[in-house]
Amino acid sequence: MGIGGISIWQLLIILVIVLLLFGTKRLRNLGGDLGNAVKGFKKAMGDEEKNAEKNPEKLEQADEKVINGEATREKEKQ
């Protein structure tokens, strides 16, 4: 028994069908696009961490923004 009750042979058959439908070129392009998206996401996360290390006071200021107010309750009409 394989992954989630699917055997290895069933996975190979599904892989062959996908290759026949889409072709290797389209799957290669899809893999490249997915890889570039993951790489861009990691770069953006790294840039954000670098900015946080350079300017920690900006993060502290953002956390200190609190709206002060007073809650009041209307008296029930009698």
PDB file of N, CA and C in Angstrom:
ATOM      1  N   MET A   1       0.850  -1.173   0.000  1.00  0.00           N
ATOM      2  CA  MET A   1       0.000   0.000   0.000  1.00  0.00           C
ATOM      3  C   MET A   1       0.894   1.235   0.000  1.00  0.00           C
ATOM      4  N   GLY A   2       0.554   2.225  -0.757  1.00  0.00           N
ATOM      5  CA  GLY A   2       1.369   3.424  -0.883  1.00  0.00           C
ATOM      6  C   GLY A   2       0.793   4.597  -0.126  1.00  0.00           C
ATOM      7  N   ILE A   3       0.893   5.743  -0.725  1.00  0.00           N
ATOM      8  CA  ILE A   3       0.452   6.990  -0.111  1.00  0.00           C
ATOM      9  C   ILE A   3      -1.074   7.058  -0.128  1.00  0.00           C
ATOM     10  N   GLY A   4      -1.677   7.149   1.038  1.00  0.00           N
ATOM     11  CA  GLY A   4      -3.125   7.325   1.146  1.00  0.00           C
ATOM     12  C   GLY A   4      -3.925   6.202   0.511  1.00  0.00           C
ATOM     13  N   GLY A   5      -3.376   4.975   0.498  1.00  0.00           N
ATOM     14  CA  GLY A   5      -4.103   3.853  -0.066  1.00  0.00           C
ATOM     15  C   GLY A   5      -3.921   3.692  -1.563  1.00  0.00           C
ATOM     16  N   ILE A   6      -3.065   4.509  -2.169  1.00  0.00           N
ATOM     17  CA  ILE A   6      -2.790   4.415  -3.608  1.00  0.00           C
ATOM     18  C   ILE A   6      -1.465   3.688  -3.776  1.00  0.00           C
ATOM     19  N   SER A   7      -1.458   2.667  -4.616  1.00  0.00           N
ATOM     20  CA  SER A   7      -0.230   1.898  -4.808  1.00  0.00           C
ATOM     21  C   SER A   7       0.718   2.627  -5.765  1.00  0.00           C
ATOM     22  N   ILE A   8       1.938   2.122  -5.820  1.00  0.00           N
ATOM     23  CA  ILE A   8       2.960   2.709  -6.696  1.00  0.00           C
ATOM     24  C   ILE A   8       2.529   2.612  -8.155  1.00  0.00           C
ATOM     25  N   TRP A   9       1.926   1.490  -8.536  1.00  0.00           N
ATOM     26  CA  TRP A   9       1.508   1.313  -9.928  1.00  0.00           C
ATOM     27  C   TRP A   9       0.426   2.320 -10.317  1.00  0.00           C
ATOM     28  N   GLN A  10      -0.493   2.577  -9.420  1.00  0.00           N
ATOM     29  CA  GLN A  10      -1.534   3.567  -9.716  1.00  0.00           C
ATOM     30  C   GLN A  10      -0.927   4.954  -9.878  1.00  0.00           C
ATOM     31  N   LEU A  11       0.065   5.295  -9.044  1.00  0.00           N
ATOM     32  CA  LEU A  11       0.745   6.588  -9.184  1.00  0.00           C
ATOM     33  C   LEU A  11       1.485   6.696 -10.511  1.00  0.00           C
ATOM     34  N   LEU A  12       2.138   5.603 -10.932  1.00  0.00           N
ATOM     35  CA  LEU A  12       2.840   5.620 -12.221  1.00  0.00           C
ATOM     36  C   LEU A  12       1.872   5.793 -13.384  1.00  0.00           C
ATOM     37  N   ILE A  13       0.716   5.150 -13.322  1.00  0.00           N
ATOM     38  CA  ILE A  13      -0.286   5.298 -14.382  1.00  0.00           C
ATOM     39  C   ILE A  13      -0.789   6.737 -14.442  1.00  0.00           C
ATOM     40  N   ILE A  14      -1.041   7.337 -13.284  1.00  0.00           N
ATOM     41  CA  ILE A  14      -1.487   8.735 -13.247  1.00  0.00           C
ATOM     42  C   ILE A  14      -0.404   9.639 -13.822  1.00  0.00           C
ATOM     43  N   LEU A  15       0.853   9.379 -13.494  1.00  0.00           N
ATOM     44  CA  LEU A  15       1.963  10.177 -14.013  1.00  0.00           C
ATOM     45  C   LEU A  15       2.040  10.079 -15.532  1.00  0.00           C
ATOM     46  N   VAL A  16       1.876   8.882 -16.091  1.00  0.00           N
ATOM     47  CA  VAL A  16       1.916   8.699 -17.552  1.00  0.00           C
ATOM     48  C   VAL A  16       0.763   9.451 -18.207  1.00  0.00           C
ATOM     49  N   ILE A  17      -0.421   9.403 -17.629  1.00  0.00           N
ATOM     50  CA  ILE A  17      -1.572  10.110 -18.195  1.00  0.00           C
ATOM     51  C   ILE A  17      -1.335  11.617 -18.175  1.00  0.00           C
ATOM     52  N   VAL A  18      -0.794  12.138 -17.076  1.00  0.00           N
ATOM     53  CA  VAL A  18      -0.512  13.571 -16.983  1.00  0.00           C
ATOM     54  C   VAL A  18       0.524  13.972 -18.024  1.00  0.00           C
ATOM     55  N   LEU A  19       1.560  13.143 -18.199  1.00  0.00           N
ATOM     56  CA  LEU A  19       2.584  13.441 -19.206  1.00  0.00           C
ATOM     57  C   LEU A  19       1.992  13.446 -20.610  1.00  0.00           C
ATOM     58  N   LEU A  20       1.082  12.527 -20.889  1.00  0.00           N
ATOM     59  CA  LEU A  20       0.457  12.487 -22.206  1.00  0.00           C
ATOM     60  C   LEU A  20      -0.453  13.689 -22.434  1.00  0.00           C
ATOM     61  N   LEU A  21      -1.160  14.115 -21.401  1.00  0.00           N
ATOM     62  CA  LEU A  21      -2.077  15.240 -21.552  1.00  0.00           C
ATOM     63  C   LEU A  21      -1.348  16.567 -21.711  1.00  0.00           C
ATOM     64  N   PHE A  22      -0.369  16.809 -20.861  1.00  0.00           N
ATOM     65  CA  PHE A  22       0.268  18.116 -20.830  1.00  0.00           C
ATOM     66  C   PHE A  22       1.581  18.170 -21.596  1.00  0.00           C
ATOM     67  N   GLY A  23       2.271  17.087 -21.688  1.00  0.00           N
ATOM     68  CA  GLY A  23       3.558  17.084 -22.351  1.00  0.00           C
ATOM     69  C   GLY A  23       4.660  17.524 -21.399  1.00  0.00           C
ATOM     70  N   THR A  24       5.866  17.120 -21.699  1.00  0.00           N
ATOM     71  CA  THR A  24       6.983  17.418 -20.806  1.00  0.00           C
ATOM     72  C   THR A  24       7.347  18.889 -20.815  1.00  0.00           C
ATOM     73  N   LYS A  25       7.194  19.555 -21.964  1.00  0.00           N
ATOM     74  CA  LYS A  25       7.575  20.970 -22.051  1.00  0.00           C
ATOM     75  C   LYS A  25       6.699  21.836 -21.138  1.00  0.00           C
ATOM     76  N   ARG A  26       5.403  21.612 -21.191  1.00  0.00           N
ATOM     77  CA  ARG A  26       4.492  22.403 -20.372  1.00  0.00           C
ATOM     78  C   ARG A  26       4.710  22.120 -18.883  1.00  0.00           C
ATOM     79  N   LEU A  27       4.960  20.853 -18.530  1.00  0.00           N
ATOM     80  CA  LEU A  27       5.226  20.520 -17.133  1.00  0.00           C
ATOM     81  C   LEU A  27       6.547  21.129 -16.665  1.00  0.00           C
ATOM     82  N   ARG A  28       7.546  21.171 -17.541  1.00  0.00           N
ATOM     83  CA  ARG A  28       8.828  21.787 -17.190  1.00  0.00           C
ATOM     84  C   ARG A  28       8.644  23.284 -16.959  1.00  0.00           C
ATOM     85  N   ASN A  29       7.857  23.938 -17.809  1.00  0.00           N
ATOM     86  CA  ASN A  29       7.583  25.367 -17.624  1.00  0.00           C
ATOM     87  C   ASN A  29       6.821  25.615 -16.329  1.00  0.00           C
ATOM     88  N   LEU A  30       5.877  24.743 -16.040  1.00  0.00           N
ATOM     89  CA  LEU A  30       5.109  24.875 -14.809  1.00  0.00           C
ATOM     90  C   LEU A  30       6.012  24.715 -13.588  1.00  0.00           C
ATOM     91  N   GLY A  31       6.923  23.750 -13.651  1.00  0.00           N
ATOM     92  CA  GLY A  31       7.867  23.546 -12.550  1.00  0.00           C
ATOM     93  C   GLY A  31       8.785  24.740 -12.374  1.00  0.00           C
ATOM     94  N   GLY A  32       9.245  25.310 -13.487  1.00  0.00           N
ATOM     95  CA  GLY A  32      10.102  26.499 -13.418  1.00  0.00           C
ATOM     96  C   GLY A  32       9.369  27.699 -12.846  1.00  0.00           C
ATOM     97  N   ASP A  33       8.141  27.883 -13.252  1.00  0.00           N
ATOM     98  CA  ASP A  33       7.340  28.990 -12.721  1.00  0.00           C
ATOM     99  C   ASP A  33       7.100  28.837 -11.224  1.00  0.00           C
ATOM    100  N   LEU A  34       6.814  27.616 -10.812  1.00  0.00           N
ATOM    101  CA  LEU A  34       6.595  27.355  -9.394  1.00  0.00           C
ATOM    102  C   LEU A  34       7.871  27.594  -8.598  1.00  0.00           C
ATOM    103  N   GLY A  35       9.004  27.173  -9.145  1.00  0.00           N
ATOM    104  CA  GLY A  35      10.289  27.400  -8.483  1.00  0.00           C
ATOM    105  C   GLY A  35      10.608  28.880  -8.355  1.00  0.00           C
ATOM    106  N   ASN A  36      10.342  29.653  -9.405  1.00  0.00           N
ATOM    107  CA  ASN A  36      10.584  31.101  -9.351  1.00  0.00           C
ATOM    108  C   ASN A  36       9.675  31.776  -8.330  1.00  0.00           C
ATOM    109  N   ALA A  37       8.448  31.306  -8.222  1.00  0.00           N
ATOM    110  CA  ALA A  37       7.524  31.887  -7.248  1.00  0.00           C
ATOM    111  C   ALA A  37       8.001  31.615  -5.822  1.00  0.00           C
ATOM    112  N   VAL A  38       8.461  30.401  -5.560  1.00  0.00           N
ATOM    113  CA  VAL A  38       8.960  30.064  -4.227  1.00  0.00           C
ATOM    114  C   VAL A  38      10.220  30.869  -3.923  1.00  0.00           C
ATOM    115  N   LYS A  39      11.099  31.001  -4.915  1.00  0.00           N
ATOM    116  CA  LYS A  39      12.334  31.769  -4.732  1.00  0.00           C
ATOM    117  C   LYS A  39      12.023  33.237  -4.446  1.00  0.00           C
ATOM    118  N   GLY A  40      11.057  33.808  -5.158  1.00  0.00           N
ATOM    119  CA  GLY A  40      10.660  35.196  -4.922  1.00  0.00           C
ATOM    120  C   GLY A  40      10.052  35.384  -3.539  1.00  0.00           C
ATOM    121  N   PHE A  41       9.267  34.412  -3.101  1.00  0.00           N
ATOM    122  CA  PHE A  41       8.663  34.482  -1.772  1.00  0.00           C
ATOM    123  C   PHE A  41       9.732  34.451  -0.694  1.00  0.00           C
ATOM    124  N   LYS A  42      10.712  33.560  -0.839  1.00  0.00           N
ATOM    125  CA  LYS A  42      11.788  33.470   0.147  1.00  0.00           C
ATOM    126  C   LYS A  42      12.600  34.759   0.171  1.00  0.00           C
ATOM    127  N   LYS A  43      12.834  35.342  -0.993  1.00  0.00           N
ATOM    128  CA  LYS A  43      13.596  36.593  -1.060  1.00  0.00           C
ATOM    129  C   LYS A  43      12.829  37.713  -0.363  1.00  0.00           C
ATOM    130  N   ALA A  44      11.532  37.783  -0.588  1.00  0.00           N
ATOM    131  CA  ALA A  44      10.722  38.821   0.054  1.00  0.00           C
ATOM    132  C   ALA A  44      10.711  38.652   1.566  1.00  0.00           C
ATOM    133  N   MET A  45      10.636  37.425   2.025  1.00  0.00           N
ATOM    134  CA  MET A  45      10.661  37.174   3.468  1.00  0.00           C
ATOM    135  C   MET A  45      12.015  37.561   4.049  1.00  0.00           C
ATOM    136  N   GLY A  46      13.095  37.263   3.327  1.00  0.00           N
ATOM    137  CA  GLY A  46      14.431  37.626   3.791  1.00  0.00           C
ATOM    138  C   GLY A  46      14.615  39.131   3.835  1.00  0.00           C
ATOM    139  N   ASP A  47      14.090  39.833   2.830  1.00  0.00           N
ATOM    140  CA  ASP A  47      14.178  41.299   2.811  1.00  0.00           C
ATOM    141  C   ASP A  47      13.436  41.900   3.997  1.00  0.00           C
ATOM    142  N   GLU A  48      12.288  41.344   4.324  1.00  0.00           N
ATOM    143  CA  GLU A  48      11.498  41.841   5.448  1.00  0.00           C
ATOM    144  C   GLU A  48      12.250  41.634   6.764  1.00  0.00           C
ATOM    145  N   GLU A  49      12.907  40.482   6.902  1.00  0.00           N
ATOM    146  CA  GLU A  49      13.671  40.224   8.122  1.00  0.00           C
ATOM    147  C   GLU A  49      14.864  41.165   8.233  1.00  0.00           C
ATOM    148  N   LYS A  50      15.522  41.447   7.103  1.00  0.00           N
ATOM    149  CA  LYS A  50      16.655  42.379   7.118  1.00  0.00           C
ATOM    150  C   LYS A  50      16.196  43.776   7.513  1.00  0.00           C
ATOM    151  N   ASN A  51      15.050  44.202   7.002  1.00  0.00           N
ATOM    152  CA  ASN A  51      14.518  45.520   7.362  1.00  0.00           C
ATOM    153  C   ASN A  51      14.169  45.580   8.842  1.00  0.00           C
ATOM    154  N   ALA A  52      13.661  44.486   9.379  1.00  0.00           N
ATOM    155  CA  ALA A  52      13.313  44.455  10.798  1.00  0.00           C
ATOM    156  C   ALA A  52      14.573  44.529  11.657  1.00  0.00           C
ATOM    157  N   GLU A  53      15.674  43.906  11.196  1.00  0.00           N
ATOM    158  CA  GLU A  53      16.924  43.963  11.948  1.00  0.00           C
ATOM    159  C   GLU A  53      17.545  45.352  11.893  1.00  0.00           C
ATOM    160  N   LYS A  54      17.421  46.021  10.750  1.00  0.00           N
ATOM    161  CA  LYS A  54      18.012  47.352  10.592  1.00  0.00           C
ATOM    162  C   LYS A  54      17.234  48.409  11.369  1.00  0.00           C
ATOM    163  N   ASN A  55      15.928  48.317  11.361  1.00  0.00           N
ATOM    164  CA  ASN A  55      15.077  49.338  11.972  1.00  0.00           C
ATOM    165  C   ASN A  55      14.101  48.702  12.963  1.00  0.00           C
ATOM    166  N   PRO A  56      14.579  48.223  14.100  1.00  0.00           N
ATOM    167  CA  PRO A  56      13.642  47.610  15.052  1.00  0.00           C
ATOM    168  C   PRO A  56      12.694  48.621  15.687  1.00  0.00           C
ATOM    169  N   GLU A  57      13.092  49.901  15.710  1.00  0.00           N
ATOM    170  CA  GLU A  57      12.209  50.895  16.318  1.00  0.00           C
ATOM    171  C   GLU A  57      10.932  51.084  15.520  1.00  0.00           C
ATOM    172  N   LYS A  58      10.981  50.842  14.213  1.00  0.00           N
ATOM    173  CA  LYS A  58       9.764  50.966  13.416  1.00  0.00           C
ATOM    174  C   LYS A  58       8.745  49.919  13.831  1.00  0.00           C
ATOM    175  N   LEU A  59       9.217  48.706  14.103  1.00  0.00           N
ATOM    176  CA  LEU A  59       8.292  47.670  14.551  1.00  0.00           C
ATOM    177  C   LEU A  59       7.726  47.998  15.921  1.00  0.00           C
ATOM    178  N   GLU A  60       8.579  48.537  16.806  1.00  0.00           N
ATOM    179  CA  GLU A  60       8.104  48.890  18.138  1.00  0.00           C
ATOM    180  C   GLU A  60       7.076  49.999  18.065  1.00  0.00           C
ATOM    181  N   GLN A  61       7.291  50.981  17.192  1.00  0.00           N
ATOM    182  CA  GLN A  61       6.340  52.074  17.051  1.00  0.00           C
ATOM    183  C   GLN A  61       5.010  51.554  16.517  1.00  0.00           C
ATOM    184  N   ALA A  62       5.065  50.601  15.609  1.00  0.00           N
ATOM    185  CA  ALA A  62       3.827  50.059  15.054  1.00  0.00           C
ATOM    186  C   ALA A  62       3.032  49.332  16.131  1.00  0.00           C
ATOM    187  N   ASP A  63       3.734  48.674  17.060  1.00  0.00           N
ATOM    188  CA  ASP A  63       3.041  47.955  18.125  1.00  0.00           C
ATOM    189  C   ASP A  63       2.445  48.906  19.154  1.00  0.00           C
ATOM    190  N   GLU A  64       2.987  50.112  19.280  1.00  0.00           N
ATOM    191  CA  GLU A  64       2.535  51.047  20.298  1.00  0.00           C
ATOM    192  C   GLU A  64       1.344  51.891  19.865  1.00  0.00           C
ATOM    193  N   LYS A  65       0.879  51.712  18.663  1.00  0.00           N
ATOM    194  CA  LYS A  65      -0.251  52.493  18.189  1.00  0.00           C
ATOM    195  C   LYS A  65      -1.528  51.918  18.785  1.00  0.00           C
ATOM    196  N   VAL A  66      -1.998  52.554  19.820  1.00  0.00           N
ATOM    197  CA  VAL A  66      -3.208  52.121  20.506  1.00  0.00           C
ATOM    198  C   VAL A  66      -4.198  53.274  20.482  1.00  0.00           C
ATOM    199  N   ILE A  67      -5.408  52.956  20.194  1.00  0.00           N
ATOM    200  CA  ILE A  67      -6.447  53.982  20.184  1.00  0.00           C
ATOM    201  C   ILE A  67      -7.055  54.035  21.570  1.00  0.00           C
ATOM    202  N   ASN A  68      -6.914  55.161  22.208  1.00  0.00           N
ATOM    203  CA  ASN A  68      -7.500  55.340  23.534  1.00  0.00           C
ATOM    204  C   ASN A  68      -8.925  55.834  23.375  1.00  0.00           C
ATOM    205  N   GLY A  69      -9.779  55.277  24.154  1.00  0.00           N
ATOM    206  CA  GLY A  69     -11.170  55.689  24.068  1.00  0.00           C
ATOM    207  C   GLY A  69     -11.902  55.315  25.333  1.00  0.00           C
ATOM    208  N   GLU A  70     -13.156  55.676  25.353  1.00  0.00           N
ATOM    209  CA  GLU A  70     -13.957  55.387  26.529  1.00  0.00           C
ATOM    210  C   GLU A  70     -15.233  54.709  26.071  1.00  0.00           C
ATOM    211  N   ALA A  71     -15.533  53.628  26.721  1.00  0.00           N
ATOM    212  CA  ALA A  71     -16.752  52.911  26.394  1.00  0.00           C
ATOM    213  C   ALA A  71     -17.871  53.415  27.291  1.00  0.00           C
ATOM    214  N   THR A  72     -18.990  53.741  26.705  1.00  0.00           N
ATOM    215  CA  THR A  72     -20.141  54.192  27.490  1.00  0.00           C
ATOM    216  C   THR A  72     -21.344  53.354  27.097  1.00  0.00           C
ATOM    217  N   ARG A  73     -22.249  53.223  28.012  1.00  0.00           N
ATOM    218  CA  ARG A  73     -23.454  52.454  27.769  1.00  0.00           C
ATOM    219  C   ARG A  73     -24.645  53.401  27.874  1.00  0.00           C
ATOM    220  N   GLU A  74     -25.508  53.333  26.896  1.00  0.00           N
ATOM    221  CA  GLU A  74     -26.696  54.164  26.953  1.00  0.00           C
ATOM    222  C   GLU A  74     -27.647  53.608  28.006  1.00  0.00           C
ATOM    223  N   LYS A  75     -28.237  54.515  28.738  1.00  0.00           N
ATOM    224  CA  LYS A  75     -29.208  54.089  29.739  1.00  0.00           C
ATOM    225  C   LYS A  75     -30.462  53.609  29.054  1.00  0.00           C
ATOM    226  N   GLU A  76     -30.993  52.531  29.596  1.00  0.00           N
ATOM    227  CA  GLU A  76     -32.193  51.980  29.010  1.00  0.00           C
ATOM    228  C   GLU A  76     -33.353  52.964  29.187  1.00  0.00           C
ATOM    229  N   LYS A  77     -34.161  53.061  28.163  1.00  0.00           N
ATOM    230  CA  LYS A  77     -35.329  53.950  28.240  1.00  0.00           C
ATOM    231  C   LYS A  77     -36.408  53.298  29.110  1.00  0.00           C
ATOM    232  N   GLN A  78     -36.912  54.071  30.039  1.00  0.00           N
ATOM    233  CA  GLN A  78     -37.926  53.525  30.944  1.00  0.00           C
ATOM    234  C   GLN A  78     -39.263  54.141  30.697  1.00  0.00           C
TER     235      GLN A  78
END
